């Protein structure tokens, strides 16, 4: 069903002119025959539930400081120096505009929205349903009325329709600064679409968090490109990087928009990050690889490199940072 929905929506949307392109000046467009080829493939990935930790329940999320928690997919809870950031918050049961069809969660979020600590900032990388969950954003805004929401240019109207306040939209390299932190929207290679006729009508990207002493980087969703070298040259090497490692099969179809584990390692090296965390796997079955393949493939690929510190997390486990 997912492949059929994708085929229909991409076919219709491809008839319209794309407004935004990647940093290389190109938009990601797949020929109709490639869509049909993928839809007709009979690959059935082995689905599994990954472990979820209750480690986060052992600390007071509001009073504790300097920690990272992977909630699932691309959703991270980051707290540093009293500032709390929530990335790509998706808490709904499906990554879909529909309640009964579309990708369903394989695991629940490591914590619920009402268990979150006070949220200062919410960042959204792009408008695909597994990254921009408007119902989650609305609930977060209700529970945390002082929270500030950052979305790519073109997506602010979605939040305004839901009466979400304190929301701002950004184009690449635009920043928001306050004492102790600067957030910058950075280019990655991807695309956007939520309906039948809005392909690439909004932008996509990663978020770079520059604190007083070091920085972090959240890649959102991306294929491999020169954007990560450019990000490092413009903004510096982050200490921590959150990089997708899943949703890559079949690679002949997905490679332009989703990195595989080997590409993810190269992203880390391009950024010159000290430590990387693998995300975008284990929560939704979006493509054809088995659920447990990405971290296994990552571990195997790391043997060919000079021991970069790149790990796969367990949702809910608290990672202490400096």
C-alpha atoms as a PDB file:
ATOM      1  CA  UNK A   1       0.000   0.000   0.000  1.00  0.00           C
ATOM      2  CA  UNK A   2       2.814   2.447   0.864  1.00  0.00           C
ATOM      3  CA  UNK A   3       4.461   1.938  -2.535  1.00  0.00           C
ATOM      4  CA  UNK A   4       1.145   2.429  -4.350  1.00  0.00           C
ATOM      5  CA  UNK A   5       0.440   5.683  -2.481  1.00  0.00           C
ATOM      6  CA  UNK A   6       3.952   6.911  -3.221  1.00  0.00           C
ATOM      7  CA  UNK A   7       3.603   6.069  -6.908  1.00  0.00           C
ATOM      8  CA  UNK A   8       0.318   7.953  -7.216  1.00  0.00           C
ATOM      9  CA  UNK A   9       1.457  11.044  -5.353  1.00  0.00           C
ATOM     10  CA  UNK A  10       4.871  11.319  -7.017  1.00  0.00           C
ATOM     11  CA  UNK A  11       3.374  10.844 -10.465  1.00  0.00           C
ATOM     12  CA  UNK A  12       0.857  13.647 -10.004  1.00  0.00           C
ATOM     13  CA  UNK A  13       3.238  16.003  -8.269  1.00  0.00           C
ATOM     14  CA  UNK A  14       5.915  15.548 -10.925  1.00  0.00           C
ATOM     15  CA  UNK A  15       3.628  17.337 -13.367  1.00  0.00           C
ATOM     16  CA  UNK A  16       4.171  20.589 -11.507  1.00  0.00           C
ATOM     17  CA  UNK A  17       7.165  22.878 -11.508  1.00  0.00           C
ATOM     18  CA  UNK A  18       9.479  22.392  -8.517  1.00  0.00           C
ATOM     19  CA  UNK A  19      10.266  25.599  -6.674  1.00  0.00           C
ATOM     20  CA  UNK A  20      13.198  24.529  -4.501  1.00  0.00           C
ATOM     21  CA  UNK A  21      16.238  22.548  -5.586  1.00  0.00           C
ATOM     22  CA  UNK A  22      19.282  21.105  -3.856  1.00  0.00           C
ATOM     23  CA  UNK A  23      22.505  23.060  -3.451  1.00  0.00           C
ATOM     24  CA  UNK A  24      23.775  21.588  -6.728  1.00  0.00           C
ATOM     25  CA  UNK A  25      20.854  23.258  -8.513  1.00  0.00           C
ATOM     26  CA  UNK A  26      19.042  19.978  -9.175  1.00  0.00           C
ATOM     27  CA  UNK A  27      15.736  18.645  -7.897  1.00  0.00           C
ATOM     28  CA  UNK A  28      15.363  14.958  -7.117  1.00  0.00           C
ATOM     29  CA  UNK A  29      12.960  13.570  -9.700  1.00  0.00           C
ATOM     30  CA  UNK A  30      12.526   9.869 -10.451  1.00  0.00           C
ATOM     31  CA  UNK A  31      11.415   8.616 -13.883  1.00  0.00           C
ATOM     32  CA  UNK A  32       7.999   7.020 -13.903  1.00  0.00           C
ATOM     33  CA  UNK A  33       9.483   3.679 -14.973  1.00  0.00           C
ATOM     34  CA  UNK A  34      11.696   3.632 -11.862  1.00  0.00           C
ATOM     35  CA  UNK A  35       8.672   4.203  -9.650  1.00  0.00           C
ATOM     36  CA  UNK A  36       6.845   1.338 -11.314  1.00  0.00           C
ATOM     37  CA  UNK A  37       9.891  -0.905 -10.987  1.00  0.00           C
ATOM     38  CA  UNK A  38      10.069  -0.316  -7.217  1.00  0.00           C
ATOM     39  CA  UNK A  39       6.323  -0.661  -6.716  1.00  0.00           C
ATOM     40  CA  UNK A  40       6.342  -3.981  -8.543  1.00  0.00           C
ATOM     41  CA  UNK A  41       9.258  -5.377  -6.547  1.00  0.00           C
ATOM     42  CA  UNK A  42       8.266  -8.222  -4.263  1.00  0.00           C
ATOM     43  CA  UNK A  43      10.807  -7.563  -1.483  1.00  0.00           C
ATOM     44  CA  UNK A  44       9.311  -8.105   1.964  1.00  0.00           C
ATOM     45  CA  UNK A  45      11.669  -6.807   4.660  1.00  0.00           C
ATOM     46  CA  UNK A  46      11.888  -8.627   7.972  1.00  0.00           C
ATOM     47  CA  UNK A  47      10.271  -6.358  10.531  1.00  0.00           C
ATOM     48  CA  UNK A  48      11.298  -6.376  14.171  1.00  0.00           C
ATOM     49  CA  UNK A  49      10.854  -4.347  17.323  1.00  0.00           C
ATOM     50  CA  UNK A  50      14.063  -2.871  18.663  1.00  0.00           C
ATOM     51  CA  UNK A  51      14.707  -2.547  22.378  1.00  0.00           C
ATOM     52  CA  UNK A  52      13.450   0.493  24.271  1.00  0.00           C
ATOM     53  CA  UNK A  53      15.084   1.629  27.490  1.00  0.00           C
ATOM     54  CA  UNK A  54      13.398   3.187  30.528  1.00  0.00           C
ATOM     55  CA  UNK A  55      16.739   4.695  31.542  1.00  0.00           C
ATOM     56  CA  UNK A  56      15.368   8.219  31.120  1.00  0.00           C
ATOM     57  CA  UNK A  57      12.928   7.594  33.978  1.00  0.00           C
ATOM     58  CA  UNK A  58      15.837   7.396  36.436  1.00  0.00           C
ATOM     59  CA  UNK A  59      16.574  11.126  36.112  1.00  0.00           C
ATOM     60  CA  UNK A  60      14.579  14.306  36.536  1.00  0.00           C
ATOM     61  CA  UNK A  61      14.451  15.608  32.975  1.00  0.00           C
ATOM     62  CA  UNK A  62      13.771  19.175  34.064  1.00  0.00           C
ATOM     63  CA  UNK A  63      16.410  19.388  36.785  1.00  0.00           C
ATOM     64  CA  UNK A  64      19.101  17.303  35.074  1.00  0.00           C
ATOM     65  CA  UNK A  65      21.321  18.899  32.460  1.00  0.00           C
ATOM     66  CA  UNK A  66      23.662  17.989  29.614  1.00  0.00           C
ATOM     67  CA  UNK A  67      22.061  14.879  28.167  1.00  0.00           C
ATOM     68  CA  UNK A  68      20.788  13.416  24.897  1.00  0.00           C
ATOM     69  CA  UNK A  69      17.901  10.951  24.524  1.00  0.00           C
ATOM     70  CA  UNK A  70      16.863   9.291  21.274  1.00  0.00           C
ATOM     71  CA  UNK A  71      13.059   9.106  21.382  1.00  0.00           C
ATOM     72  CA  UNK A  72      12.853   7.334  18.027  1.00  0.00           C
ATOM     73  CA  UNK A  73      13.353   7.844  14.275  1.00  0.00           C
ATOM     74  CA  UNK A  74      14.788  11.400  13.971  1.00  0.00           C
ATOM     75  CA  UNK A  75      13.394  12.659  17.271  1.00  0.00           C
ATOM     76  CA  UNK A  76      16.047  13.622  19.821  1.00  0.00           C
ATOM     77  CA  UNK A  77      15.676  15.363  23.156  1.00  0.00           C
ATOM     78  CA  UNK A  78      18.786  17.470  23.702  1.00  0.00           C
ATOM     79  CA  UNK A  79      19.480  19.443  26.854  1.00  0.00           C
ATOM     80  CA  UNK A  80      22.647  21.452  27.291  1.00  0.00           C
ATOM     81  CA  UNK A  81      23.394  24.285  29.687  1.00  0.00           C
ATOM     82  CA  UNK A  82      19.717  24.518  30.607  1.00  0.00           C
ATOM     83  CA  UNK A  83      18.541  24.815  26.982  1.00  0.00           C
ATOM     84  CA  UNK A  84      16.221  22.056  25.734  1.00  0.00           C
ATOM     85  CA  UNK A  85      15.867  21.236  22.029  1.00  0.00           C
ATOM     86  CA  UNK A  86      13.498  18.713  20.451  1.00  0.00           C
ATOM     87  CA  UNK A  87      14.299  17.635  16.873  1.00  0.00           C
ATOM     88  CA  UNK A  88      11.775  16.394  14.284  1.00  0.00           C
ATOM     89  CA  UNK A  89       9.197  15.427  16.928  1.00  0.00           C
ATOM     90  CA  UNK A  90       7.027  12.538  15.689  1.00  0.00           C
ATOM     91  CA  UNK A  91       4.836  10.936  18.348  1.00  0.00           C
ATOM     92  CA  UNK A  92       1.885   9.808  16.216  1.00  0.00           C
ATOM     93  CA  UNK A  93       1.137   6.145  15.497  1.00  0.00           C
ATOM     94  CA  UNK A  94       1.613   6.621  11.756  1.00  0.00           C
ATOM     95  CA  UNK A  95       3.816   8.754   9.521  1.00  0.00           C
ATOM     96  CA  UNK A  96       0.849   9.568   7.332  1.00  0.00           C
ATOM     97  CA  UNK A  97      -1.970  12.061   6.800  1.00  0.00           C
ATOM     98  CA  UNK A  98      -4.371   9.147   7.417  1.00  0.00           C
ATOM     99  CA  UNK A  99      -5.238   7.340  10.648  1.00  0.00           C
ATOM    100  CA  UNK A 100      -5.620   3.870   9.178  1.00  0.00           C
ATOM    101  CA  UNK A 101      -3.108   3.671   6.303  1.00  0.00           C
ATOM    102  CA  UNK A 102       0.501   4.640   5.847  1.00  0.00           C
ATOM    103  CA  UNK A 103       3.689   3.654   7.698  1.00  0.00           C
ATOM    104  CA  UNK A 104       2.850   2.507  11.227  1.00  0.00           C
ATOM    105  CA  UNK A 105       5.276   2.672  14.134  1.00  0.00           C
ATOM    106  CA  UNK A 106       7.125  -0.536  14.900  1.00  0.00           C
ATOM    107  CA  UNK A 107       7.909   0.790  18.380  1.00  0.00           C
ATOM    108  CA  UNK A 108       6.255   3.478  20.500  1.00  0.00           C
ATOM    109  CA  UNK A 109       8.138   6.683  21.309  1.00  0.00           C
ATOM    110  CA  UNK A 110      10.559   6.165  24.189  1.00  0.00           C
ATOM    111  CA  UNK A 111       8.517   8.746  26.080  1.00  0.00           C
ATOM    112  CA  UNK A 112       5.181  10.433  25.457  1.00  0.00           C
ATOM    113  CA  UNK A 113       4.679  14.124  24.775  1.00  0.00           C
ATOM    114  CA  UNK A 114       3.322  14.759  28.262  1.00  0.00           C
ATOM    115  CA  UNK A 115       6.487  13.229  29.751  1.00  0.00           C
ATOM    116  CA  UNK A 116       8.790  15.700  28.024  1.00  0.00           C
ATOM    117  CA  UNK A 117      10.583  18.312  30.120  1.00  0.00           C
ATOM    118  CA  UNK A 118      10.120  22.011  29.438  1.00  0.00           C
ATOM    119  CA  UNK A 119      10.912  22.532  25.750  1.00  0.00           C
ATOM    120  CA  UNK A 120      12.656  25.695  24.579  1.00  0.00           C
ATOM    121  CA  UNK A 121      13.143  24.981  20.870  1.00  0.00           C
ATOM    122  CA  UNK A 122      11.652  22.604  18.320  1.00  0.00           C
ATOM    123  CA  UNK A 123      13.427  22.089  14.990  1.00  0.00           C
ATOM    124  CA  UNK A 124      11.918  20.479  11.885  1.00  0.00           C
ATOM    125  CA  UNK A 125      14.131  19.370   8.999  1.00  0.00           C
ATOM    126  CA  UNK A 126      11.490  19.031   6.256  1.00  0.00           C
ATOM    127  CA  UNK A 127       7.807  18.358   5.747  1.00  0.00           C
ATOM    128  CA  UNK A 128       7.653  14.599   5.117  1.00  0.00           C
ATOM    129  CA  UNK A 129       5.241  12.970   7.536  1.00  0.00           C
ATOM    130  CA  UNK A 130       7.951  11.037   9.366  1.00  0.00           C
ATOM    131  CA  UNK A 131       9.636  14.361  10.229  1.00  0.00           C
ATOM    132  CA  UNK A 132       6.889  16.978  10.397  1.00  0.00           C
ATOM    133  CA  UNK A 133       4.064  15.543  12.502  1.00  0.00           C
ATOM    134  CA  UNK A 134       1.653  18.457  12.771  1.00  0.00           C
ATOM    135  CA  UNK A 135      -0.449  16.820  15.490  1.00  0.00           C
ATOM    136  CA  UNK A 136       2.632  16.368  17.652  1.00  0.00           C
ATOM    137  CA  UNK A 137       3.703  19.966  17.045  1.00  0.00           C
ATOM    138  CA  UNK A 138       0.258  21.211  18.025  1.00  0.00           C
ATOM    139  CA  UNK A 139       0.280  19.202  21.262  1.00  0.00           C
ATOM    140  CA  UNK A 140       3.799  20.343  22.135  1.00  0.00           C
ATOM    141  CA  UNK A 141       2.775  23.949  21.553  1.00  0.00           C
ATOM    142  CA  UNK A 142      -0.213  23.474  23.836  1.00  0.00           C
ATOM    143  CA  UNK A 143       1.851  21.956  26.655  1.00  0.00           C
ATOM    144  CA  UNK A 144       4.834  24.284  26.153  1.00  0.00           C
ATOM    145  CA  UNK A 145       3.387  27.648  25.056  1.00  0.00           C
ATOM    146  CA  UNK A 146       6.781  29.367  25.325  1.00  0.00           C
ATOM    147  CA  UNK A 147       8.486  26.901  22.981  1.00  0.00           C
ATOM    148  CA  UNK A 148       9.858  28.330  19.735  1.00  0.00           C
ATOM    149  CA  UNK A 149       9.374  26.340  16.518  1.00  0.00           C
ATOM    150  CA  UNK A 150      11.807  26.441  13.576  1.00  0.00           C
ATOM    151  CA  UNK A 151      10.727  25.062  10.182  1.00  0.00           C
ATOM    152  CA  UNK A 152      12.024  25.298   6.607  1.00  0.00           C
ATOM    153  CA  UNK A 153      10.736  28.097   4.421  1.00  0.00           C
ATOM    154  CA  UNK A 154       7.406  27.144   2.918  1.00  0.00           C
ATOM    155  CA  UNK A 155       6.180  25.166   5.950  1.00  0.00           C
ATOM    156  CA  UNK A 156       5.206  27.969   8.305  1.00  0.00           C
ATOM    157  CA  UNK A 157       1.680  28.019   6.893  1.00  0.00           C
ATOM    158  CA  UNK A 158       1.124  24.464   8.167  1.00  0.00           C
ATOM    159  CA  UNK A 159       1.803  25.588  11.721  1.00  0.00           C
ATOM    160  CA  UNK A 160      -0.244  28.766  11.392  1.00  0.00           C
ATOM    161  CA  UNK A 161      -3.274  26.731  10.301  1.00  0.00           C
ATOM    162  CA  UNK A 162      -3.019  24.858  13.593  1.00  0.00           C
ATOM    163  CA  UNK A 163      -2.541  28.130  15.483  1.00  0.00           C
ATOM    164  CA  UNK A 164       0.924  27.197  16.631  1.00  0.00           C
ATOM    165  CA  UNK A 165       2.579  30.345  17.914  1.00  0.00           C
ATOM    166  CA  UNK A 166       6.247  31.335  18.156  1.00  0.00           C
ATOM    167  CA  UNK A 167       7.023  29.698  14.808  1.00  0.00           C
ATOM    168  CA  UNK A 168       9.591  30.893  12.269  1.00  0.00           C
ATOM    169  CA  UNK A 169      10.716  29.652   8.865  1.00  0.00           C
ATOM    170  CA  UNK A 170      14.275  29.578   7.550  1.00  0.00           C
ATOM    171  CA  UNK A 171      16.195  29.258   4.333  1.00  0.00           C
ATOM    172  CA  UNK A 172      19.697  27.745   4.196  1.00  0.00           C
ATOM    173  CA  UNK A 173      22.364  29.444   6.315  1.00  0.00           C
ATOM    174  CA  UNK A 174      19.867  31.602   8.174  1.00  0.00           C
ATOM    175  CA  UNK A 175      20.382  31.639  11.933  1.00  0.00           C
ATOM    176  CA  UNK A 176      18.649  32.421  15.196  1.00  0.00           C
ATOM    177  CA  UNK A 177      20.795  33.496  18.132  1.00  0.00           C
ATOM    178  CA  UNK A 178      20.338  33.983  21.823  1.00  0.00           C
ATOM    179  CA  UNK A 179      22.770  33.971  24.716  1.00  0.00           C
ATOM    180  CA  UNK A 180      24.673  30.704  24.658  1.00  0.00           C
ATOM    181  CA  UNK A 181      23.257  29.249  21.428  1.00  0.00           C
ATOM    182  CA  UNK A 182      22.986  29.902  17.701  1.00  0.00           C
ATOM    183  CA  UNK A 183      20.783  27.649  15.543  1.00  0.00           C
ATOM    184  CA  UNK A 184      21.508  27.575  11.798  1.00  0.00           C
ATOM    185  CA  UNK A 185      19.540  25.862   9.014  1.00  0.00           C
ATOM    186  CA  UNK A 186      21.911  24.076   6.645  1.00  0.00           C
ATOM    187  CA  UNK A 187      21.576  22.450   3.196  1.00  0.00           C
ATOM    188  CA  UNK A 188      21.261  18.703   2.665  1.00  0.00           C
ATOM    189  CA  UNK A 189      20.276  16.694  -0.402  1.00  0.00           C
ATOM    190  CA  UNK A 190      16.609  15.752  -0.241  1.00  0.00           C
ATOM    191  CA  UNK A 191      13.130  16.919  -1.311  1.00  0.00           C
ATOM    192  CA  UNK A 192       9.770  17.872   0.192  1.00  0.00           C
ATOM    193  CA  UNK A 193       6.128  16.976  -0.324  1.00  0.00           C
ATOM    194  CA  UNK A 194       3.015  16.388   1.781  1.00  0.00           C
ATOM    195  CA  UNK A 195       0.205  16.411  -0.778  1.00  0.00           C
ATOM    196  CA  UNK A 196      -0.399  15.688  -4.425  1.00  0.00           C
ATOM    197  CA  UNK A 197       0.632  19.062  -5.814  1.00  0.00           C
ATOM    198  CA  UNK A 198       3.274  20.548  -3.483  1.00  0.00           C
ATOM    199  CA  UNK A 199       6.473  18.732  -4.381  1.00  0.00           C
ATOM    200  CA  UNK A 200       9.480  20.896  -3.440  1.00  0.00           C
ATOM    201  CA  UNK A 201       7.291  23.865  -2.584  1.00  0.00           C
ATOM    202  CA  UNK A 202       9.070  24.048   0.763  1.00  0.00           C
ATOM    203  CA  UNK A 203      12.742  23.625   1.625  1.00  0.00           C
ATOM    204  CA  UNK A 204      14.585  20.856   3.523  1.00  0.00           C
ATOM    205  CA  UNK A 205      17.798  20.798   5.518  1.00  0.00           C
ATOM    206  CA  UNK A 206      19.713  20.037   8.699  1.00  0.00           C
ATOM    207  CA  UNK A 207      20.092  22.020  11.905  1.00  0.00           C
ATOM    208  CA  UNK A 208      23.388  23.125  13.408  1.00  0.00           C
ATOM    209  CA  UNK A 209      23.390  23.980  17.120  1.00  0.00           C
ATOM    210  CA  UNK A 210      26.360  26.150  18.101  1.00  0.00           C
ATOM    211  CA  UNK A 211      26.747  26.461  21.862  1.00  0.00           C
ATOM    212  CA  UNK A 212      29.388  28.581  23.604  1.00  0.00           C
ATOM    213  CA  UNK A 213      31.904  25.739  23.926  1.00  0.00           C
ATOM    214  CA  UNK A 214      31.025  23.325  21.093  1.00  0.00           C
ATOM    215  CA  UNK A 215      28.376  22.485  18.520  1.00  0.00           C
ATOM    216  CA  UNK A 216      25.986  19.696  17.484  1.00  0.00           C
ATOM    217  CA  UNK A 217      24.481  18.848  14.108  1.00  0.00           C
ATOM    218  CA  UNK A 218      21.215  17.127  13.159  1.00  0.00           C
ATOM    219  CA  UNK A 219      21.185  16.044   9.513  1.00  0.00           C
ATOM    220  CA  UNK A 220      17.435  15.491   9.192  1.00  0.00           C
ATOM    221  CA  UNK A 221      17.071  13.248   6.138  1.00  0.00           C
ATOM    222  CA  UNK A 222      19.548  13.286   3.288  1.00  0.00           C
ATOM    223  CA  UNK A 223      21.402  11.643   0.462  1.00  0.00           C
ATOM    224  CA  UNK A 224      25.158  12.011   0.284  1.00  0.00           C
ATOM    225  CA  UNK A 225      26.442  15.315  -1.105  1.00  0.00           C
ATOM    226  CA  UNK A 226      29.094  17.995  -0.649  1.00  0.00           C
ATOM    227  CA  UNK A 227      26.817  19.825   1.761  1.00  0.00           C
ATOM    228  CA  UNK A 228      28.520  18.366   4.826  1.00  0.00           C
ATOM    229  CA  UNK A 229      31.949  19.628   3.858  1.00  0.00           C
ATOM    230  CA  UNK A 230      30.389  23.019   3.162  1.00  0.00           C
ATOM    231  CA  UNK A 231      28.686  22.981   6.551  1.00  0.00           C
ATOM    232  CA  UNK A 232      31.974  22.266   8.321  1.00  0.00           C
ATOM    233  CA  UNK A 233      33.806  24.960   6.351  1.00  0.00           C
ATOM    234  CA  UNK A 234      31.156  27.560   7.123  1.00  0.00           C
ATOM    235  CA  UNK A 235      30.223  26.643  10.695  1.00  0.00           C
ATOM    236  CA  UNK A 236      33.012  24.446  12.026  1.00  0.00           C
ATOM    237  CA  UNK A 237      33.226  20.789  13.009  1.00  0.00           C
ATOM    238  CA  UNK A 238      30.485  19.691  15.448  1.00  0.00           C
ATOM    239  CA  UNK A 239      31.321  17.641  18.489  1.00  0.00           C
ATOM    240  CA  UNK A 240      28.188  15.514  18.099  1.00  0.00           C
ATOM    241  CA  UNK A 241      26.360  14.638  14.881  1.00  0.00           C
ATOM    242  CA  UNK A 242      22.992  12.919  14.481  1.00  0.00           C
ATOM    243  CA  UNK A 243      23.050  11.132  11.123  1.00  0.00           C
ATOM    244  CA  UNK A 244      20.457   8.889   9.412  1.00  0.00           C
ATOM    245  CA  UNK A 245      21.525   5.304   8.728  1.00  0.00           C
ATOM    246  CA  UNK A 246      18.259   3.743   7.488  1.00  0.00           C
ATOM    247  CA  UNK A 247      15.666   3.881   4.667  1.00  0.00           C
ATOM    248  CA  UNK A 248      18.128   3.150   1.858  1.00  0.00           C
ATOM    249  CA  UNK A 249      16.882   0.024   0.023  1.00  0.00           C
ATOM    250  CA  UNK A 250      16.588  -0.393  -2.883  1.00  0.00           C
ATOM    251  CA  UNK A 251      19.685   1.725  -3.222  1.00  0.00           C
ATOM    252  CA  UNK A 252      19.280   2.242  -6.962  1.00  0.00           C
ATOM    253  CA  UNK A 253      16.110   4.163  -6.110  1.00  0.00           C
ATOM    254  CA  UNK A 254      16.852   5.648  -2.672  1.00  0.00           C
ATOM    255  CA  UNK A 255      20.537   6.625  -2.805  1.00  0.00           C
ATOM    256  CA  UNK A 256      20.000  10.223  -3.926  1.00  0.00           C
ATOM    257  CA  UNK A 257      17.740  11.017  -0.979  1.00  0.00           C
ATOM    258  CA  UNK A 258      18.807   8.575   1.792  1.00  0.00           C
ATOM    259  CA  UNK A 259      22.327   7.687   2.919  1.00  0.00           C
ATOM    260  CA  UNK A 260      23.226   4.095   3.702  1.00  0.00           C
ATOM    261  CA  UNK A 261      25.453   3.260   6.707  1.00  0.00           C
ATOM    262  CA  UNK A 262      28.658   3.569   4.656  1.00  0.00           C
ATOM    263  CA  UNK A 263      27.587   6.989   3.377  1.00  0.00           C
ATOM    264  CA  UNK A 264      26.635   7.992   6.915  1.00  0.00           C
ATOM    265  CA  UNK A 265      30.201   7.319   8.058  1.00  0.00           C
ATOM    266  CA  UNK A 266      31.471   9.531   5.244  1.00  0.00           C
ATOM    267  CA  UNK A 267      29.066  12.254   6.369  1.00  0.00           C
ATOM    268  CA  UNK A 268      30.625  12.050   9.829  1.00  0.00           C
ATOM    269  CA  UNK A 269      34.114  12.265   8.348  1.00  0.00           C
ATOM    270  CA  UNK A 270      33.146  15.210   6.142  1.00  0.00           C
ATOM    271  CA  UNK A 271      31.815  17.025   9.175  1.00  0.00           C
ATOM    272  CA  UNK A 272      34.869  15.984  11.217  1.00  0.00           C
ATOM    273  CA  UNK A 273      32.483  15.263  14.082  1.00  0.00           C
ATOM    274  CA  UNK A 274      33.997  13.752  17.233  1.00  0.00           C
ATOM    275  CA  UNK A 275      31.052  11.418  17.794  1.00  0.00           C
ATOM    276  CA  UNK A 276      28.047  10.406  15.696  1.00  0.00           C
ATOM    277  CA  UNK A 277      24.718   8.804  16.553  1.00  0.00           C
ATOM    278  CA  UNK A 278      22.749   6.767  14.028  1.00  0.00           C
ATOM    279  CA  UNK A 279      19.082   7.658  13.614  1.00  0.00           C
ATOM    280  CA  UNK A 280      16.235   7.221  11.101  1.00  0.00           C
ATOM    281  CA  UNK A 281      15.917   3.465  11.560  1.00  0.00           C
ATOM    282  CA  UNK A 282      13.954   1.027  13.719  1.00  0.00           C
ATOM    283  CA  UNK A 283      10.794   3.137  14.090  1.00  0.00           C
ATOM    284  CA  UNK A 284       9.035   3.017  10.705  1.00  0.00           C
ATOM    285  CA  UNK A 285       9.316   0.516   7.850  1.00  0.00           C
ATOM    286  CA  UNK A 286       9.738   3.023   5.026  1.00  0.00           C
ATOM    287  CA  UNK A 287      11.862   1.045   2.584  1.00  0.00           C
ATOM    288  CA  UNK A 288      12.969  -2.492   1.763  1.00  0.00           C
ATOM    289  CA  UNK A 289      15.844  -3.218   4.158  1.00  0.00           C
ATOM    290  CA  UNK A 290      15.220  -5.393   7.231  1.00  0.00           C
ATOM    291  CA  UNK A 291      14.590  -3.443  10.427  1.00  0.00           C
ATOM    292  CA  UNK A 292      17.780  -4.603  12.139  1.00  0.00           C
ATOM    293  CA  UNK A 293      20.073  -4.286   9.116  1.00  0.00           C
ATOM    294  CA  UNK A 294      21.231  -0.632   9.452  1.00  0.00           C
ATOM    295  CA  UNK A 295      23.107  -0.913  12.783  1.00  0.00           C
ATOM    296  CA  UNK A 296      24.602  -4.282  11.791  1.00  0.00           C
ATOM    297  CA  UNK A 297      25.786  -2.863   8.489  1.00  0.00           C
ATOM    298  CA  UNK A 298      27.111   0.251  10.257  1.00  0.00           C
ATOM    299  CA  UNK A 299      29.153  -1.829  12.686  1.00  0.00           C
ATOM    300  CA  UNK A 300      30.608  -3.886   9.856  1.00  0.00           C
ATOM    301  CA  UNK A 301      31.409  -0.798   7.766  1.00  0.00           C
ATOM    302  CA  UNK A 302      33.234   0.853  10.661  1.00  0.00           C
ATOM    303  CA  UNK A 303      35.863  -1.892  10.502  1.00  0.00           C
ATOM    304  CA  UNK A 304      37.157  -0.360   7.282  1.00  0.00           C
ATOM    305  CA  UNK A 305      37.696   3.071   8.824  1.00  0.00           C
ATOM    306  CA  UNK A 306      40.061   4.441  11.431  1.00  0.00           C
ATOM    307  CA  UNK A 307      37.710   3.694  14.315  1.00  0.00           C
ATOM    308  CA  UNK A 308      35.365   6.692  14.103  1.00  0.00           C
ATOM    309  CA  UNK A 309      33.124   6.967  17.175  1.00  0.00           C
ATOM    310  CA  UNK A 310      29.780   6.249  15.493  1.00  0.00           C
ATOM    311  CA  UNK A 311      27.175   4.303  17.464  1.00  0.00           C
ATOM    312  CA  UNK A 312      23.566   3.196  17.247  1.00  0.00           C
ATOM    313  CA  UNK A 313      21.513   4.143  20.266  1.00  0.00           C
ATOM    314  CA  UNK A 314      18.727   2.455  22.192  1.00  0.00           C
ATOM    315  CA  UNK A 315      15.617   4.658  22.390  1.00  0.00           C
ATOM    316  CA  UNK A 316      15.144   6.016  25.889  1.00  0.00           C
ATOM    317  CA  UNK A 317      18.741   5.563  27.034  1.00  0.00           C
ATOM    318  CA  UNK A 318      20.303   8.697  28.526  1.00  0.00           C
ATOM    319  CA  UNK A 319      23.575   9.778  26.915  1.00  0.00           C
ATOM    320  CA  UNK A 320      25.487  12.171  29.149  1.00  0.00           C
ATOM    321  CA  UNK A 321      27.339  14.990  27.391  1.00  0.00           C
ATOM    322  CA  UNK A 322      29.708  17.662  28.606  1.00  0.00           C
END
